[in-house]
Amino acid sequence: MKGLKTTIGTLLGIASTWLILNGLLIVVQTMGRVSGSEFGMLITLASVVSSIALWIGLFGLWVMIPSSTGSDERPVADNGS
């Protein structure tokens, strides 16, 4: 499962990077005068929402998969009692 979690984590990082770059590109392209149609804006909005849905789905899978076979349990502190 550790290999699967690493793979999904890598995909999550790639999707996050792509989402950030895509968002920056949309911000730069929509600065200034508006010259597009409402349909073009809806397509852009659908693209952004689908990117967010992909990221959330990958993050959900990454969180649900156990990271190892149980060796990541935290040691209990001994308080002397």
Protein backbone atom coordinates (compact mmCIF):
# COMPACT_ATOMS: atom_id res chain seq x y z
CA MET A 1 0.00 0.00 0.00
CA LYS A 2 2.94 2.33 0.57
CA GLY A 3 3.78 2.30 -3.15
CA LEU A 4 0.17 3.10 -4.04
CA LYS A 5 0.08 5.94 -1.53
CA THR A 6 3.34 7.33 -2.95
CA THR A 7 1.98 7.09 -6.50
CA ILE A 8 -1.27 8.83 -5.58
CA GLY A 9 0.72 11.45 -3.65
CA THR A 10 2.81 12.09 -6.75
CA LEU A 11 -0.32 12.37 -8.90
CA LEU A 12 -1.79 14.71 -6.29
CA GLY A 13 1.30 16.90 -6.48
CA ILE A 14 1.15 16.97 -10.29
CA ALA A 15 -2.58 17.78 -10.24
CA SER A 16 -2.00 20.51 -7.65
CA THR A 17 0.77 22.06 -9.72
CA TRP A 18 -1.34 21.89 -12.87
CA LEU A 19 -4.31 23.42 -11.00
CA ILE A 20 -2.18 26.31 -9.75
CA LEU A 21 -0.65 26.95 -13.18
CA ASN A 22 -4.05 26.70 -14.85
CA GLY A 23 -5.51 29.12 -12.31
CA LEU A 24 -2.68 31.59 -12.87
CA LEU A 25 -3.15 31.31 -16.63
CA ILE A 26 -6.88 31.99 -16.31
CA VAL A 27 -6.18 35.01 -14.07
CA VAL A 28 -3.68 36.43 -16.56
CA GLN A 29 -5.96 35.79 -19.54
CA THR A 30 -9.00 37.39 -17.90
CA MET A 31 -7.24 40.55 -16.73
CA GLY A 32 -8.23 43.74 -18.47
CA ARG A 33 -11.08 44.00 -20.94
CA VAL A 34 -13.58 41.20 -21.22
CA SER A 35 -13.73 40.06 -24.84
CA GLY A 36 -15.17 36.57 -24.50
CA SER A 37 -18.70 35.31 -24.54
CA GLU A 38 -20.68 33.88 -21.66
CA PHE A 39 -20.30 30.43 -23.18
CA GLY A 40 -16.51 30.74 -23.10
CA MET A 41 -16.66 31.78 -19.45
CA LEU A 42 -18.85 28.76 -18.65
CA ILE A 43 -16.35 26.45 -20.35
CA THR A 44 -13.54 27.97 -18.29
CA LEU A 45 -15.58 27.61 -15.10
CA ALA A 46 -16.37 23.97 -15.92
CA SER A 47 -12.67 23.32 -16.51
CA VAL A 48 -11.69 24.82 -13.16
CA VAL A 49 -14.43 22.95 -11.28
CA SER A 50 -13.42 19.66 -12.89
CA SER A 51 -9.79 20.30 -11.94
CA ILE A 52 -10.80 20.94 -8.35
CA ALA A 53 -12.91 17.78 -8.35
CA LEU A 54 -9.94 15.77 -9.64
CA TRP A 55 -7.68 17.20 -6.94
CA ILE A 56 -10.21 16.52 -4.18
CA GLY A 57 -10.72 12.96 -5.44
CA LEU A 58 -6.99 12.24 -5.49
CA PHE A 59 -6.59 13.81 -2.04
CA GLY A 60 -9.42 11.67 -0.70
CA LEU A 61 -7.81 8.51 -2.02
CA TRP A 62 -4.43 9.58 -0.64
CA VAL A 63 -5.91 10.16 2.83
CA MET A 64 -7.85 6.86 2.90
CA ILE A 65 -4.95 4.60 1.94
CA PRO A 66 -2.88 3.51 4.95
CA SER A 67 0.69 4.77 4.78
CA SER A 68 2.31 1.52 6.01
CA THR A 69 1.65 -1.75 7.82
CA GLY A 70 1.20 -0.11 11.21
CA SER A 71 4.74 0.98 12.02
CA ASP A 72 3.77 4.66 12.09
CA GLU A 73 2.14 4.46 15.52
CA ARG A 74 3.38 7.19 17.81
CA PRO A 75 5.16 6.10 20.99
CA VAL A 76 3.27 6.78 24.19
CA ALA A 77 5.06 9.15 26.54
CA ASP A 78 5.81 7.71 29.97
CA ASN A 79 4.73 10.21 32.60
CA GLY A 80 6.30 8.28 35.47
CA SER A 81 3.11 6.94 37.06
